[in-house]
Protein backbone atom coordinates (compact mmCIF):
# COMPACT_ATOMS: atom_id res chain seq x y z
CA UNK A 1 10.50 -9.68 -6.58
CA UNK A 2 7.20 -10.16 -4.83
CA UNK A 3 7.26 -13.30 -2.63
CA UNK A 4 5.51 -16.41 -3.90
CA UNK A 5 3.08 -16.50 -0.97
CA UNK A 6 1.75 -13.09 -2.04
CA UNK A 7 0.87 -14.50 -5.46
CA UNK A 8 -0.92 -17.46 -3.90
CA UNK A 9 -2.79 -15.23 -1.48
CA UNK A 10 -3.86 -12.87 -4.24
CA UNK A 11 -5.13 -15.77 -6.36
CA UNK A 12 -7.08 -17.15 -3.42
CA UNK A 13 -8.76 -13.78 -2.82
CA UNK A 14 -9.49 -13.51 -6.53
CA UNK A 15 -11.16 -16.96 -6.55
CA UNK A 16 -13.32 -15.84 -3.62
CA UNK A 17 -14.33 -12.67 -5.48
CA UNK A 18 -12.59 -10.31 -3.06
CA UNK A 19 -10.59 -7.72 -5.04
CA UNK A 20 -7.24 -6.54 -3.68
CA UNK A 21 -4.77 -3.84 -4.69
CA UNK A 22 -1.07 -4.16 -3.91
CA UNK A 23 0.16 -1.28 -1.73
CA UNK A 24 2.89 -0.49 0.80
CA UNK A 25 6.53 -1.41 0.33
CA UNK A 26 5.93 -3.71 -2.63
CA UNK A 27 4.07 -0.93 -4.44
CA UNK A 28 7.03 1.36 -3.65
CA UNK A 29 9.34 -1.23 -5.27
CA UNK A 30 6.99 -1.58 -8.24
CA UNK A 31 7.15 2.18 -8.83
CA UNK A 32 10.93 2.18 -9.02
CA UNK A 33 12.38 2.52 -5.52
CA UNK A 34 13.83 -0.85 -4.65
CA UNK A 35 14.05 -1.22 -0.89
CA UNK A 36 13.63 -3.94 1.71
CA UNK A 37 10.13 -4.76 2.79
CA UNK A 38 9.00 -7.80 4.70
CA UNK A 39 5.25 -7.55 5.00
CA UNK A 40 2.74 -7.48 2.18
CA UNK A 41 0.13 -4.72 2.19
CA UNK A 42 -3.14 -4.99 0.32
CA UNK A 43 -5.93 -2.48 -0.01
CA UNK A 44 -9.37 -4.00 0.40
CA UNK A 45 -12.84 -2.49 0.43
CA UNK A 46 -14.56 -2.33 3.82
CA UNK A 47 -17.54 -3.88 2.04
CA UNK A 48 -15.49 -7.10 1.92
CA UNK A 49 -13.97 -6.85 5.41
CA UNK A 50 -15.90 -9.71 7.05
CA UNK A 51 -15.32 -12.06 4.11
CA UNK A 52 -11.63 -11.13 3.88
CA UNK A 53 -11.04 -11.72 7.60
CA UNK A 54 -12.89 -15.04 7.44
CA UNK A 55 -10.77 -16.08 4.45
CA UNK A 56 -7.52 -15.16 6.20
CA UNK A 57 -8.58 -17.10 9.30
CA UNK A 58 -9.50 -20.12 7.15
CA UNK A 59 -5.96 -20.01 5.74
CA UNK A 60 -4.45 -20.23 9.23
CA UNK A 61 -3.82 -16.54 9.87
CA UNK A 62 -4.64 -14.83 13.14
CA UNK A 63 -5.26 -11.16 13.80
CA UNK A 64 -2.27 -9.40 15.35
CA UNK A 65 -4.06 -6.03 15.56
CA UNK A 66 -6.96 -4.20 14.03
CA UNK A 67 -7.59 -0.50 13.30
CA UNK A 68 -7.65 1.25 9.91
CA UNK A 69 -5.86 -1.89 8.81
CA UNK A 70 -5.79 -5.45 10.05
CA UNK A 71 -2.42 -7.14 10.47
CA UNK A 72 -2.40 -10.91 10.16
CA UNK A 73 0.26 -13.38 11.25
CA UNK A 74 0.46 -17.05 10.32
CA UNK A 75 -0.42 -18.92 13.52
CA UNK A 76 1.77 -21.96 12.84
CA UNK A 77 4.85 -19.93 11.84
CA UNK A 78 5.56 -16.65 13.67
CA UNK A 79 8.54 -15.99 11.36
CA UNK A 80 6.23 -15.85 8.32
CA UNK A 81 5.94 -12.31 6.93
CA UNK A 82 2.90 -10.38 8.16
CA UNK A 83 0.04 -9.53 5.84
CA UNK A 84 -1.80 -6.23 6.22
CA UNK A 85 -5.23 -5.52 4.81
CA UNK A 86 -5.80 -1.76 4.64
CA UNK A 87 -9.50 -0.97 4.71
CA UNK A 88 -10.95 1.79 2.54
CA UNK A 89 -14.50 2.78 1.73
CA UNK A 90 -16.11 1.13 -1.29
CA UNK A 91 -16.06 4.53 -3.01
CA UNK A 92 -12.33 4.99 -2.40
CA UNK A 93 -11.62 1.44 -3.55
CA UNK A 94 -13.57 2.04 -6.77
CA UNK A 95 -11.33 5.05 -7.51
CA UNK A 96 -8.11 3.27 -6.51
CA UNK A 97 -8.78 0.18 -8.60
CA UNK A 98 -8.72 2.25 -11.79
CA UNK A 99 -5.07 1.54 -12.47
CA UNK A 100 -3.04 0.15 -15.34
CA UNK A 101 -0.24 -0.86 -12.96
CA UNK A 102 0.24 -4.62 -12.64
CA UNK A 103 2.72 -6.82 -10.78
CA UNK A 104 3.22 -10.49 -10.19
CA UNK A 105 4.47 -13.45 -12.15
CA UNK A 106 1.74 -13.05 -14.75
CA UNK A 107 1.39 -9.27 -14.41
CA UNK A 108 -2.19 -9.77 -13.24
CA UNK A 109 -2.02 -8.22 -9.76
CA UNK A 110 -3.29 -4.64 -9.66
CA UNK A 111 -0.98 -2.15 -7.95
CA UNK A 112 -2.06 1.26 -6.75
CA UNK A 113 -0.93 4.02 -9.08
CA UNK A 114 1.87 6.43 -8.21
CA UNK A 115 -0.45 9.30 -7.29
CA UNK A 116 -2.40 7.09 -4.85
CA UNK A 117 0.83 5.71 -3.37
CA UNK A 118 2.18 9.22 -2.83
CA UNK A 119 -1.11 10.29 -1.24
CA UNK A 120 -0.93 7.33 1.16
CA UNK A 121 2.71 8.05 1.99
CA UNK A 122 1.93 11.73 2.58
CA UNK A 123 -0.94 10.81 4.86
CA UNK A 124 1.34 8.45 6.80
CA UNK A 125 3.96 11.21 7.00
CA UNK A 126 1.41 13.43 8.70
CA UNK A 127 0.04 10.83 11.08
CA UNK A 128 2.94 8.68 12.29
CA UNK A 129 6.05 10.25 13.76
CA UNK A 130 7.81 6.88 14.18
CA UNK A 131 7.59 6.22 10.41
CA UNK A 132 8.40 9.78 9.39
CA UNK A 133 11.94 9.18 8.06
CA UNK A 134 11.01 6.00 6.17
CA UNK A 135 7.98 7.57 4.50
CA UNK A 136 9.88 10.76 3.68
CA UNK A 137 12.64 8.73 1.99
CA UNK A 138 10.05 6.69 0.08
CA UNK A 139 8.41 9.88 -1.20
CA UNK A 140 11.69 11.50 -2.23
CA UNK A 141 12.98 8.41 -4.04
CA UNK A 142 9.64 7.77 -5.75
CA UNK A 143 9.62 11.34 -7.05
CA UNK A 144 13.22 10.98 -8.23
CA UNK A 145 12.54 7.66 -10.01
CA UNK A 146 9.35 9.04 -11.59
CA UNK A 147 10.53 12.59 -12.20
CA UNK A 148 8.14 13.36 -15.05
CA UNK A 149 5.09 11.53 -13.71
CA UNK A 150 3.65 14.32 -11.58
CA UNK A 151 3.71 18.07 -12.28
CA UNK A 152 5.01 20.18 -9.39
CA UNK A 153 1.70 21.99 -8.91
CA UNK A 154 -0.08 18.64 -8.57
CA UNK A 155 2.54 17.45 -6.07
CA UNK A 156 2.05 20.65 -4.08
CA UNK A 157 -1.73 20.05 -4.04
CA UNK A 158 -1.26 16.44 -2.91
CA UNK A 159 1.06 17.59 -0.13
CA UNK A 160 -1.38 20.20 1.13
CA UNK A 161 -4.36 17.85 0.93
CA UNK A 162 -2.79 14.83 2.62
CA UNK A 163 0.04 16.14 4.81
CA UNK A 164 -0.45 19.85 5.39
CA UNK A 165 1.05 23.10 4.13
CA UNK A 166 4.66 22.40 5.17
CA UNK A 167 4.96 18.98 3.52
CA UNK A 168 5.97 20.22 0.07
CA UNK A 169 8.92 22.20 1.45
CA UNK A 170 9.95 19.23 3.61
CA UNK A 171 9.89 16.85 0.64
CA UNK A 172 11.75 19.25 -1.65
CA UNK A 173 14.15 20.19 1.20
CA UNK A 174 13.25 23.86 1.04
CA UNK A 175 14.05 25.60 4.35
């Protein structure tokens, strides 16, 4: 179950008019593959980046690092789970936020859909060798848990688009 602080954080962003989409490990759990995850990942539009960072800082979070995402840690409690804001273009956010998936205590928190989650995992598979095994397992288990959600030809297209021509065979364990 999503930690309580994630609910509070989402509600605070909502009150400030900064939309978020749940992503990462909690989205993986939402889509049927229950695994351990400590941090909470949110997708946020770059159009709201300055406001989102200012809000996080006003809540006592500091920036641990910044790139395509910004990782925040709670300054007063280093053991507190990290929060990542993954920045996407306003156009990408507009496409991603079209989702019927909801999580949270009141089922009001939007979660990226399975296709978007797979695309993100495939992209991570391509780009980060140190996360390769974790992302590959996530993809395989998500496909197993949602076996009828994505036709094979669409999966093959996603693989080629986001991870390259060999990704489909790797995921399906085809030599």
